[in-house]
Amino acid sequence: MSTSVLFDHYGEPGTLYVKDEPVPRPGSGEVVVRYRAIGINPIDWKILRGDLRARVPMNLPGACLGVEAAGVVVAVGPGVRRFTVGDPVIRHGRPGTFRTHEAVPAAQEADQLTPQPGRFSAEQAAVLPVAAGTAYSALRQVGLRAGERLLVHGASGGTGLATVQLALLMGASEVVGTGSARHHALLRGLGATPVEYGEGLRDRLDRLGPFHASVDCAGGQQPTDMAVHAVKDPARRVTIADRRAHERGVPHLDHVPLELASTLDLIGHSPFALPVAARFPLSQAAAALALGLEGGVGGKIVLLPGE
């Protein structure tokens, strides 16, 4: 049997329920993946609450959250050439990973499955697509170059932590990241210069500047104002969190094609890891989402389907 975590109507994490279903069979051009780890992201609770129903419509009742996971191919449908049974893969893209098994299109054009590099554990592979992929696109959008100084707002969140590390891999001379004091040791350990957000942030940034580019992973009035203040060229600012910030001069993110594959190419064998702050069994997905909603976790949250 396959276990899924589903919801029948938009609402809070308590609306999720667990359902056992037959293991799916792959159709033409599909593979069935058995998930070993599943990443949780803010988009999950935004979808669940109905905040994104216009852009990410869900097939209710019986909809499934989850936009990233890592697992192993356990069955291959007719016409599949990219993968064979036993291949470790990373699944990313459309919602549907809050389950133990899933039938997934395997064509390159679908861009939903990427081979999992052997250097990553299932947990690390599962949390890469959203955080690291988004960070990669953001850094490409602002045109970060070697030797430049980058400002990252919300640096202690999943995407912020990825942005710090990828920027340094791209050759940034310094990455300054805003975050609460309790996360400063984590940011220093990754090579960033941490700075406390809140009152007086402008003065603190002025002492640390100048900056060539800015990536906002937090959203809100202060990150937007500070991005405009610290980086004069609008083309070198981006936000992943505030769709209204473009009205104030901070463009929203545009994802690049084959985002995850390009990110993995950049990482190669260089040191790179996203802290996992909490782990839950798949059956406790509601509790995992509730923790994420509280904020300030300081790393990724992972669901473990078990065997």
C-alpha atoms as a PDB file:
ATOM      1  CA  MET A   1       0.000   0.000   0.000  1.00  0.00           C
ATOM      2  CA  SER A   2       0.893   3.657  -0.432  1.00  0.00           C
ATOM      3  CA  THR A   3       0.189   6.286   2.225  1.00  0.00           C
ATOM      4  CA  SER A   4      -0.835   9.840   1.305  1.00  0.00           C
ATOM      5  CA  VAL A   5      -1.553  12.969   3.322  1.00  0.00           C
ATOM      6  CA  LEU A   6      -4.509  14.748   1.733  1.00  0.00           C
ATOM      7  CA  PHE A   7      -6.998  17.571   2.261  1.00  0.00           C
ATOM      8  CA  ASP A   8     -10.550  18.043   0.999  1.00  0.00           C
ATOM      9  CA  HIS A   9     -10.968  21.785   1.533  1.00  0.00           C
ATOM     10  CA  TYR A  10      -8.760  24.809   2.112  1.00  0.00           C
ATOM     11  CA  GLY A  11      -7.910  25.580   5.720  1.00  0.00           C
ATOM     12  CA  GLU A  12      -5.328  25.092   8.458  1.00  0.00           C
ATOM     13  CA  PRO A  13      -2.967  22.129   9.038  1.00  0.00           C
ATOM     14  CA  GLY A  14      -5.659  20.316  11.032  1.00  0.00           C
ATOM     15  CA  THR A  15      -7.588  19.733   7.803  1.00  0.00           C
ATOM     16  CA  LEU A  16      -4.952  17.228   6.629  1.00  0.00           C
ATOM     17  CA  TYR A  17      -5.705  13.516   6.943  1.00  0.00           C
ATOM     18  CA  VAL A  18      -3.870  10.269   6.191  1.00  0.00           C
ATOM     19  CA  LYS A  19      -5.183   7.811   3.608  1.00  0.00           C
ATOM     20  CA  ASP A  20      -3.879   4.441   2.443  1.00  0.00           C
ATOM     21  CA  GLU A  21      -4.167   3.790  -1.285  1.00  0.00           C
ATOM     22  CA  PRO A  22      -2.867   1.180  -3.748  1.00  0.00           C
ATOM     23  CA  VAL A  23       0.661   1.808  -5.000  1.00  0.00           C
ATOM     24  CA  PRO A  24       0.235   3.574  -8.367  1.00  0.00           C
ATOM     25  CA  ARG A  25       1.233   1.906 -11.616  1.00  0.00           C
ATOM     26  CA  PRO A  26       3.305   3.920 -14.088  1.00  0.00           C
ATOM     27  CA  GLY A  27       1.647   5.004 -17.293  1.00  0.00           C
ATOM     28  CA  SER A  28       3.404   5.628 -20.570  1.00  0.00           C
ATOM     29  CA  GLY A  29       6.370   7.937 -19.974  1.00  0.00           C
ATOM     30  CA  GLU A  30       6.055   7.709 -16.189  1.00  0.00           C
ATOM     31  CA  VAL A  31       8.013   6.187 -13.322  1.00  0.00           C
ATOM     32  CA  VAL A  32       6.832   5.377  -9.817  1.00  0.00           C
ATOM     33  CA  VAL A  33       9.027   6.846  -7.084  1.00  0.00           C
ATOM     34  CA  ARG A  34       9.166   5.599  -3.481  1.00  0.00           C
ATOM     35  CA  TYR A  35       9.982   8.660  -1.375  1.00  0.00           C
ATOM     36  CA  ARG A  36      12.613   8.546   1.356  1.00  0.00           C
ATOM     37  CA  ALA A  37      12.416  12.188   2.449  1.00  0.00           C
ATOM     38  CA  ILE A  38      10.061  15.079   1.712  1.00  0.00           C
ATOM     39  CA  GLY A  39      10.792  18.784   2.149  1.00  0.00           C
ATOM     40  CA  ILE A  40       8.315  21.258   3.623  1.00  0.00           C
ATOM     41  CA  ASN A  41       8.125  24.842   2.375  1.00  0.00           C
ATOM     42  CA  PRO A  42       6.050  27.997   2.926  1.00  0.00           C
ATOM     43  CA  ILE A  43       4.255  27.328  -0.365  1.00  0.00           C
ATOM     44  CA  ASP A  44       2.693  24.252   1.269  1.00  0.00           C
ATOM     45  CA  TRP A  45       0.755  26.160   3.920  1.00  0.00           C
ATOM     46  CA  LYS A  46      -0.041  28.942   1.456  1.00  0.00           C
ATOM     47  CA  ILE A  47      -1.614  26.370  -0.866  1.00  0.00           C
ATOM     48  CA  LEU A  48      -3.431  24.708   2.037  1.00  0.00           C
ATOM     49  CA  ARG A  49      -4.931  28.017   3.207  1.00  0.00           C
ATOM     50  CA  GLY A  50      -6.079  28.808  -0.334  1.00  0.00           C
ATOM     51  CA  ASP A  51      -3.798  31.831  -0.676  1.00  0.00           C
ATOM     52  CA  LEU A  52      -2.530  30.605  -4.055  1.00  0.00           C
ATOM     53  CA  ARG A  53      -5.685  29.054  -5.493  1.00  0.00           C
ATOM     54  CA  ALA A  54      -5.634  31.389  -8.496  1.00  0.00           C
ATOM     55  CA  ARG A  55      -2.034  30.487  -9.433  1.00  0.00           C
ATOM     56  CA  VAL A  56      -1.828  26.929  -8.080  1.00  0.00           C
ATOM     57  CA  PRO A  57      -5.302  25.387  -8.408  1.00  0.00           C
ATOM     58  CA  MET A  58      -5.770  22.116  -6.519  1.00  0.00           C
ATOM     59  CA  ASN A  59      -8.060  19.256  -7.489  1.00  0.00           C
ATOM     60  CA  LEU A  60     -10.325  19.070  -4.416  1.00  0.00           C
ATOM     61  CA  PRO A  61     -11.293  16.914  -2.627  1.00  0.00           C
ATOM     62  CA  GLY A  62      -8.321  14.631  -2.080  1.00  0.00           C
ATOM     63  CA  ALA A  63      -5.546  17.129  -2.935  1.00  0.00           C
ATOM     64  CA  CYS A  64      -1.936  16.505  -1.933  1.00  0.00           C
ATOM     65  CA  LEU A  65       0.687  19.070  -0.878  1.00  0.00           C
ATOM     66  CA  GLY A  66       4.471  18.896  -1.294  1.00  0.00           C
ATOM     67  CA  VAL A  67       6.687  20.281  -4.058  1.00  0.00           C
ATOM     68  CA  GLU A  68       9.996  18.563  -3.303  1.00  0.00           C
ATOM     69  CA  ALA A  69      11.157  15.096  -2.295  1.00  0.00           C
ATOM     70  CA  ALA A  70      13.874  12.526  -2.839  1.00  0.00           C
ATOM     71  CA  GLY A  71      13.390   8.838  -3.431  1.00  0.00           C
ATOM     72  CA  VAL A  72      14.069   5.799  -5.561  1.00  0.00           C
ATOM     73  CA  VAL A  73      12.466   4.658  -8.819  1.00  0.00           C
ATOM     74  CA  VAL A  74      10.563   1.422  -8.109  1.00  0.00           C
ATOM     75  CA  ALA A  75       8.708   0.950 -11.421  1.00  0.00           C
ATOM     76  CA  VAL A  76       9.143   2.203 -14.979  1.00  0.00           C
ATOM     77  CA  GLY A  77       6.400   2.684 -17.559  1.00  0.00           C
ATOM     78  CA  PRO A  78       6.536   2.160 -21.339  1.00  0.00           C
ATOM     79  CA  GLY A  79       8.717   4.582 -23.267  1.00  0.00           C
ATOM     80  CA  VAL A  80      10.896   5.717 -20.352  1.00  0.00           C
ATOM     81  CA  ARG A  81      14.608   5.921 -21.209  1.00  0.00           C
ATOM     82  CA  ARG A  82      15.967   8.394 -18.649  1.00  0.00           C
ATOM     83  CA  PHE A  83      15.562   6.231 -15.547  1.00  0.00           C
ATOM     84  CA  THR A  84      15.648   2.588 -14.485  1.00  0.00           C
ATOM     85  CA  VAL A  85      14.467   0.800 -11.351  1.00  0.00           C
ATOM     86  CA  GLY A  86      16.767   1.618  -8.433  1.00  0.00           C
ATOM     87  CA  ASP A  87      17.777   5.101  -9.630  1.00  0.00           C
ATOM     88  CA  PRO A  88      17.814   7.735  -6.856  1.00  0.00           C
ATOM     89  CA  VAL A  89      15.953  10.851  -7.990  1.00  0.00           C
ATOM     90  CA  ILE A  90      14.872  14.285  -6.805  1.00  0.00           C
ATOM     91  CA  ARG A  91      11.255  15.212  -7.481  1.00  0.00           C
ATOM     92  CA  HIS A  92      10.330  18.891  -7.733  1.00  0.00           C
ATOM     93  CA  GLY A  93       7.696  21.146  -9.228  1.00  0.00           C
ATOM     94  CA  ARG A  94       3.935  20.670  -9.031  1.00  0.00           C
ATOM     95  CA  PRO A  95       2.351  19.717  -5.675  1.00  0.00           C
ATOM     96  CA  GLY A  96       1.911  16.060  -4.739  1.00  0.00           C
ATOM     97  CA  THR A  97       4.846  14.689  -2.712  1.00  0.00           C
ATOM     98  CA  PHE A  98       3.174  14.256   0.701  1.00  0.00           C
ATOM     99  CA  ARG A  99       2.928  10.505   0.082  1.00  0.00           C
ATOM    100  CA  THR A 100       5.065   7.379   0.072  1.00  0.00           C
ATOM    101  CA  HIS A 101       4.685   6.594  -3.657  1.00  0.00           C
ATOM    102  CA  GLU A 102       3.947   8.724  -6.707  1.00  0.00           C
ATOM    103  CA  ALA A 103       3.748   8.222 -10.465  1.00  0.00           C
ATOM    104  CA  VAL A 104       5.767  11.032 -12.055  1.00  0.00           C
ATOM    105  CA  PRO A 105       6.364  12.028 -15.703  1.00  0.00           C
ATOM    106  CA  ALA A 106       9.934  11.109 -16.583  1.00  0.00           C
ATOM    107  CA  ALA A 107      10.561  13.117 -19.762  1.00  0.00           C
ATOM    108  CA  GLN A 108      13.299  15.754 -19.654  1.00  0.00           C
ATOM    109  CA  GLU A 109      10.776  18.315 -20.879  1.00  0.00           C
ATOM    110  CA  ALA A 110       8.591  17.721 -17.821  1.00  0.00           C
ATOM    111  CA  ASP A 111      11.458  18.945 -15.607  1.00  0.00           C
ATOM    112  CA  GLN A 112      10.000  17.218 -12.551  1.00  0.00           C
ATOM    113  CA  LEU A 113      12.645  14.553 -11.965  1.00  0.00           C
ATOM    114  CA  THR A 114      16.377  15.115 -11.664  1.00  0.00           C
ATOM    115  CA  PRO A 115      18.986  12.404 -10.971  1.00  0.00           C
ATOM    116  CA  GLN A 116      20.140  12.601  -7.357  1.00  0.00           C
ATOM    117  CA  PRO A 117      23.902  13.112  -6.998  1.00  0.00           C
ATOM    118  CA  GLY A 118      25.446  10.378  -4.898  1.00  0.00           C
ATOM    119  CA  ARG A 119      27.116  12.889  -2.577  1.00  0.00           C
ATOM    120  CA  PHE A 120      23.756  13.922  -1.082  1.00  0.00           C
ATOM    121  CA  SER A 121      21.732  11.988   1.459  1.00  0.00           C
ATOM    122  CA  ALA A 122      18.020  11.572   0.810  1.00  0.00           C
ATOM    123  CA  GLU A 123      17.297  14.318   3.336  1.00  0.00           C
ATOM    124  CA  GLN A 124      19.679  16.789   1.736  1.00  0.00           C
ATOM    125  CA  ALA A 125      18.442  15.931  -1.747  1.00  0.00           C
ATOM    126  CA  ALA A 126      14.834  16.421  -0.648  1.00  0.00           C
ATOM    127  CA  VAL A 127      15.407  19.970   0.638  1.00  0.00           C
ATOM    128  CA  LEU A 128      17.459  21.196  -2.327  1.00  0.00           C
ATOM    129  CA  PRO A 129      14.915  22.037  -5.053  1.00  0.00           C
ATOM    130  CA  VAL A 130      12.973  24.923  -3.535  1.00  0.00           C
ATOM    131  CA  ALA A 131      15.641  26.573  -1.389  1.00  0.00           C
ATOM    132  CA  ALA A 132      18.729  26.066  -3.536  1.00  0.00           C
ATOM    133  CA  GLY A 133      16.917  26.290  -6.866  1.00  0.00           C
ATOM    134  CA  THR A 134      15.220  29.536  -5.909  1.00  0.00           C
ATOM    135  CA  ALA A 135      18.497  30.942  -4.584  1.00  0.00           C
ATOM    136  CA  TYR A 136      20.248  30.077  -7.842  1.00  0.00           C
ATOM    137  CA  SER A 137      17.602  31.847  -9.942  1.00  0.00           C
ATOM    138  CA  ALA A 138      17.730  34.890  -7.664  1.00  0.00           C
ATOM    139  CA  LEU A 139      21.496  35.191  -7.952  1.00  0.00           C
ATOM    140  CA  ARG A 140      21.321  34.839 -11.725  1.00  0.00           C
ATOM    141  CA  GLN A 141      18.617  37.493 -11.886  1.00  0.00           C
ATOM    142  CA  VAL A 142      20.710  40.061  -9.999  1.00  0.00           C
ATOM    143  CA  GLY A 143      23.766  39.114 -12.065  1.00  0.00           C
ATOM    144  CA  LEU A 144      26.070  38.403  -9.149  1.00  0.00           C
ATOM    145  CA  ARG A 145      29.701  38.340 -10.213  1.00  0.00           C
ATOM    146  CA  ALA A 146      32.913  37.230  -8.559  1.00  0.00           C
ATOM    147  CA  GLY A 147      34.375  39.828  -6.208  1.00  0.00           C
ATOM    148  CA  GLU A 148      31.046  41.523  -5.473  1.00  0.00           C
ATOM    149  CA  ARG A 149      29.343  42.082  -2.118  1.00  0.00           C
ATOM    150  CA  LEU A 150      25.809  40.760  -1.632  1.00  0.00           C
ATOM    151  CA  LEU A 151      23.073  41.670   0.862  1.00  0.00           C
ATOM    152  CA  VAL A 152      20.638  38.875   1.789  1.00  0.00           C
ATOM    153  CA  HIS A 153      17.490  39.642   3.767  1.00  0.00           C
ATOM    154  CA  GLY A 154      16.106  36.717   5.735  1.00  0.00           C
ATOM    155  CA  ALA A 155      19.400  34.870   5.506  1.00  0.00           C
ATOM    156  CA  SER A 156      18.573  32.278   8.177  1.00  0.00           C
ATOM    157  CA  GLY A 157      15.584  30.783   6.345  1.00  0.00           C
ATOM    158  CA  GLY A 158      15.961  27.868   3.943  1.00  0.00           C
ATOM    159  CA  THR A 159      16.352  29.960   0.791  1.00  0.00           C
ATOM    160  CA  GLY A 160      18.496  32.509   2.611  1.00  0.00           C
ATOM    161  CA  LEU A 161      20.914  29.835   3.799  1.00  0.00           C
ATOM    162  CA  ALA A 162      21.145  28.495   0.254  1.00  0.00           C
ATOM    163  CA  THR A 163      21.669  31.989  -1.157  1.00  0.00           C
ATOM    164  CA  VAL A 164      24.578  32.614   1.197  1.00  0.00           C
ATOM    165  CA  GLN A 165      26.334  29.414   0.181  1.00  0.00           C
ATOM    166  CA  LEU A 166      25.706  29.680  -3.567  1.00  0.00           C
ATOM    167  CA  ALA A 167      26.805  33.319  -3.629  1.00  0.00           C
ATOM    168  CA  LEU A 168      30.126  32.353  -2.071  1.00  0.00           C
ATOM    169  CA  LEU A 169      30.493  29.517  -4.588  1.00  0.00           C
ATOM    170  CA  MET A 170      29.944  32.120  -7.328  1.00  0.00           C
ATOM    171  CA  GLY A 171      32.873  34.092  -5.923  1.00  0.00           C
ATOM    172  CA  ALA A 172      31.168  36.803  -3.872  1.00  0.00           C
ATOM    173  CA  SER A 173      33.756  38.627  -1.797  1.00  0.00           C
ATOM    174  CA  GLU A 174      31.332  38.990   1.115  1.00  0.00           C
ATOM    175  CA  VAL A 175      27.724  38.067   1.892  1.00  0.00           C
ATOM    176  CA  VAL A 176      25.973  40.094   4.579  1.00  0.00           C
ATOM    177  CA  GLY A 177      22.835  38.409   5.868  1.00  0.00           C
ATOM    178  CA  THR A 178      20.082  39.772   8.096  1.00  0.00           C
ATOM    179  CA  GLY A 179      18.655  37.468  10.743  1.00  0.00           C
ATOM    180  CA  SER A 180      17.798  37.198  14.405  1.00  0.00           C
ATOM    181  CA  ALA A 181      20.709  37.019  16.836  1.00  0.00           C
ATOM    182  CA  ARG A 182      20.038  33.369  17.684  1.00  0.00           C
ATOM    183  CA  HIS A 183      20.914  32.416  14.107  1.00  0.00           C
ATOM    184  CA  HIS A 184      24.106  34.483  13.795  1.00  0.00           C
ATOM    185  CA  ALA A 185      26.429  31.610  14.715  1.00  0.00           C
ATOM    186  CA  LEU A 186      24.852  29.501  11.965  1.00  0.00           C
ATOM    187  CA  LEU A 187      25.362  32.266   9.405  1.00  0.00           C
ATOM    188  CA  ARG A 188      28.964  32.831  10.450  1.00  0.00           C
ATOM    189  CA  GLY A 189      29.604  29.107  10.120  1.00  0.00           C
ATOM    190  CA  LEU A 190      28.481  29.279   6.493  1.00  0.00           C
ATOM    191  CA  GLY A 191      30.797  32.212   5.779  1.00  0.00           C
ATOM    192  CA  ALA A 192      28.316  35.105   5.991  1.00  0.00           C
ATOM    193  CA  THR A 193      28.533  38.327   7.965  1.00  0.00           C
ATOM    194  CA  PRO A 194      25.350  38.395  10.075  1.00  0.00           C
ATOM    195  CA  VAL A 195      23.500  41.550  11.023  1.00  0.00           C
ATOM    196  CA  GLU A 196      20.464  41.956  13.284  1.00  0.00           C
ATOM    197  CA  TYR A 197      17.310  43.173  11.563  1.00  0.00           C
ATOM    198  CA  GLY A 198      14.893  45.612  13.169  1.00  0.00           C
ATOM    199  CA  GLU A 199      15.391  49.145  14.466  1.00  0.00           C
ATOM    200  CA  GLY A 200      18.689  50.681  13.397  1.00  0.00           C
ATOM    201  CA  LEU A 201      19.215  48.286  10.475  1.00  0.00           C
ATOM    202  CA  ARG A 202      19.864  51.093   8.025  1.00  0.00           C
ATOM    203  CA  ASP A 203      22.773  52.431  10.074  1.00  0.00           C
ATOM    204  CA  ARG A 204      24.212  48.956  10.529  1.00  0.00           C
ATOM    205  CA  LEU A 205      24.085  48.300   6.785  1.00  0.00           C
ATOM    206  CA  ASP A 206      25.639  51.672   6.011  1.00  0.00           C
ATOM    207  CA  ARG A 207      28.598  50.681   8.161  1.00  0.00           C
ATOM    208  CA  LEU A 208      28.914  47.349   6.341  1.00  0.00           C
ATOM    209  CA  GLY A 209      28.268  48.570   2.768  1.00  0.00           C
ATOM    210  CA  PRO A 210      28.481  49.264  -0.083  1.00  0.00           C
ATOM    211  CA  PHE A 211      26.618  46.398  -1.778  1.00  0.00           C
ATOM    212  CA  HIS A 212      26.460  45.425  -5.432  1.00  0.00           C
ATOM    213  CA  ALA A 213      23.265  43.350  -5.254  1.00  0.00           C
ATOM    214  CA  SER A 214      20.449  42.387  -2.883  1.00  0.00           C
ATOM    215  CA  VAL A 215      18.302  39.252  -2.510  1.00  0.00           C
ATOM    216  CA  ASP A 216      15.220  39.502  -0.275  1.00  0.00           C
ATOM    217  CA  CYS A 217      14.108  36.145   1.141  1.00  0.00           C
ATOM    218  CA  ALA A 218      11.925  37.607   3.897  1.00  0.00           C
ATOM    219  CA  GLY A 219       9.474  40.070   2.385  1.00  0.00           C
ATOM    220  CA  GLY A 220       7.961  43.101   4.064  1.00  0.00           C
ATOM    221  CA  GLN A 221       8.491  46.827   4.311  1.00  0.00           C
ATOM    222  CA  GLN A 222      11.947  46.898   5.920  1.00  0.00           C
ATOM    223  CA  PRO A 223      13.687  44.440   3.536  1.00  0.00           C
ATOM    224  CA  THR A 224      12.216  46.319   0.578  1.00  0.00           C
ATOM    225  CA  ASP A 225      13.277  49.718   1.917  1.00  0.00           C
ATOM    226  CA  MET A 226      16.770  48.455   2.749  1.00  0.00           C
ATOM    227  CA  ALA A 227      17.215  46.860  -0.675  1.00  0.00           C
ATOM    228  CA  VAL A 228      16.336  50.150  -2.369  1.00  0.00           C
ATOM    229  CA  HIS A 229      18.617  52.078  -0.008  1.00  0.00           C
ATOM    230  CA  ALA A 230      21.606  49.741  -0.248  1.00  0.00           C
ATOM    231  CA  VAL A 231      21.551  48.852  -3.976  1.00  0.00           C
ATOM    232  CA  LYS A 232      20.999  51.716  -6.405  1.00  0.00           C
ATOM    233  CA  ASP A 233      20.365  49.685  -9.583  1.00  0.00           C
ATOM    234  CA  PRO A 234      16.847  48.147  -9.548  1.00  0.00           C
ATOM    235  CA  ALA A 235      18.004  45.381 -11.870  1.00  0.00           C
ATOM    236  CA  ARG A 236      20.348  44.170  -9.153  1.00  0.00           C
ATOM    237  CA  ARG A 237      17.604  43.738  -6.549  1.00  0.00           C
ATOM    238  CA  VAL A 238      15.191  40.815  -6.298  1.00  0.00           C
ATOM    239  CA  THR A 239      12.617  39.506  -3.849  1.00  0.00           C
ATOM    240  CA  ILE A 240      11.344  35.955  -3.611  1.00  0.00           C
ATOM    241  CA  ALA A 241       8.783  36.795  -0.925  1.00  0.00           C
ATOM    242  CA  ASP A 242       6.893  40.003  -1.731  1.00  0.00           C
ATOM    243  CA  ARG A 243       4.990  40.327  -5.003  1.00  0.00           C
ATOM    244  CA  ARG A 244       4.075  43.926  -4.233  1.00  0.00           C
ATOM    245  CA  ALA A 245       7.680  45.023  -3.764  1.00  0.00           C
ATOM    246  CA  HIS A 246       8.060  45.669  -7.504  1.00  0.00           C
ATOM    247  CA  GLU A 247       5.879  48.740  -6.990  1.00  0.00           C
ATOM    248  CA  ARG A 248       8.655  50.085  -4.746  1.00  0.00           C
ATOM    249  CA  GLY A 249      11.537  49.124  -7.011  1.00  0.00           C
ATOM    250  CA  VAL A 250      12.346  45.512  -6.090  1.00  0.00           C
ATOM    251  CA  PRO A 251      11.524  43.067  -8.911  1.00  0.00           C
ATOM    252  CA  HIS A 252      10.026  39.685  -8.098  1.00  0.00           C
ATOM    253  CA  LEU A 253      11.880  36.484  -8.937  1.00  0.00           C
ATOM    254  CA  ASP A 254      11.705  34.821 -12.362  1.00  0.00           C
ATOM    255  CA  HIS A 255      12.824  31.185 -12.194  1.00  0.00           C
ATOM    256  CA  VAL A 256      15.348  30.075 -14.809  1.00  0.00           C
ATOM    257  CA  PRO A 257      14.777  26.926 -16.913  1.00  0.00           C
ATOM    258  CA  LEU A 258      16.267  23.658 -15.605  1.00  0.00           C
ATOM    259  CA  GLU A 259      16.851  25.449 -12.333  1.00  0.00           C
ATOM    260  CA  LEU A 260      17.736  22.455 -10.174  1.00  0.00           C
ATOM    261  CA  ALA A 261      20.079  20.834 -12.682  1.00  0.00           C
ATOM    262  CA  SER A 262      21.949  24.133 -13.062  1.00  0.00           C
ATOM    263  CA  THR A 263      22.147  24.505  -9.292  1.00  0.00           C
ATOM    264  CA  LEU A 264      23.604  21.022  -8.894  1.00  0.00           C
ATOM    265  CA  ASP A 265      26.172  21.798 -11.605  1.00  0.00           C
ATOM    266  CA  LEU A 266      27.248  24.901  -9.679  1.00  0.00           C
ATOM    267  CA  ILE A 267      27.523  23.019  -6.382  1.00  0.00           C
ATOM    268  CA  GLY A 268      29.433  20.106  -7.888  1.00  0.00           C
ATOM    269  CA  HIS A 269      31.540  18.615  -5.114  1.00  0.00           C
ATOM    270  CA  SER A 270      31.894  21.866  -3.163  1.00  0.00           C
ATOM    271  CA  PRO A 271      30.780  21.959   0.468  1.00  0.00           C
ATOM    272  CA  PHE A 272      27.038  22.655   0.591  1.00  0.00           C
ATOM    273  CA  ALA A 273      24.385  21.669   3.116  1.00  0.00           C
ATOM    274  CA  LEU A 274      21.057  23.012   4.309  1.00  0.00           C
ATOM    275  CA  PRO A 275      20.466  22.571   8.034  1.00  0.00           C
ATOM    276  CA  VAL A 276      17.525  20.306   8.869  1.00  0.00           C
ATOM    277  CA  ALA A 277      15.870  21.865  11.905  1.00  0.00           C
ATOM    278  CA  ALA A 278      13.100  19.299  12.456  1.00  0.00           C
ATOM    279  CA  ARG A 279      12.011  15.866  11.280  1.00  0.00           C
ATOM    280  CA  PHE A 280       8.528  14.355  11.409  1.00  0.00           C
ATOM    281  CA  PRO A 281       7.022  11.078  10.220  1.00  0.00           C
ATOM    282  CA  LEU A 282       4.745  11.512   7.210  1.00  0.00           C
ATOM    283  CA  SER A 283       1.708  10.838   9.378  1.00  0.00           C
ATOM    284  CA  GLN A 284       2.519  13.987  11.389  1.00  0.00           C
ATOM    285  CA  ALA A 285       2.568  16.330   8.398  1.00  0.00           C
ATOM    286  CA  ALA A 286       0.013  18.595  10.095  1.00  0.00           C
ATOM    287  CA  ALA A 287       2.341  19.139  13.070  1.00  0.00           C
ATOM    288  CA  ALA A 288       5.247  19.796  10.707  1.00  0.00           C
ATOM    289  CA  LEU A 289       3.265  22.456   8.848  1.00  0.00           C
ATOM    290  CA  ALA A 290       2.178  24.038  12.110  1.00  0.00           C
ATOM    291  CA  LEU A 291       5.828  24.333  13.176  1.00  0.00           C
ATOM    292  CA  GLY A 292       6.720  25.955   9.875  1.00  0.00           C
ATOM    293  CA  LEU A 293       3.886  28.451  10.287  1.00  0.00           C
ATOM    294  CA  GLU A 294       5.366  29.567  13.601  1.00  0.00           C
ATOM    295  CA  GLY A 295       8.475  30.780  11.728  1.00  0.00           C
ATOM    296  CA  GLY A 296      12.025  31.258  12.899  1.00  0.00           C
ATOM    297  CA  VAL A 297      12.906  27.578  12.640  1.00  0.00           C
ATOM    298  CA  GLY A 298      16.427  28.263  11.347  1.00  0.00           C
ATOM    299  CA  GLY A 299      16.558  25.458   8.798  1.00  0.00           C
ATOM    300  CA  LYS A 300      14.450  23.045   6.811  1.00  0.00           C
ATOM    301  CA  ILE A 301      11.618  20.786   8.008  1.00  0.00           C
ATOM    302  CA  VAL A 302      11.553  17.247   6.641  1.00  0.00           C
ATOM    303  CA  LEU A 303       8.936  14.510   6.495  1.00  0.00           C
ATOM    304  CA  LEU A 304      10.243  10.937   6.648  1.00  0.00           C
ATOM    305  CA  PRO A 305       7.861   8.367   5.131  1.00  0.00           C
ATOM    306  CA  GLY A 306       9.705   5.414   6.636  1.00  0.00           C
ATOM    307  CA  GLU A 307       9.815   1.960   5.118  1.00  0.00           C
END
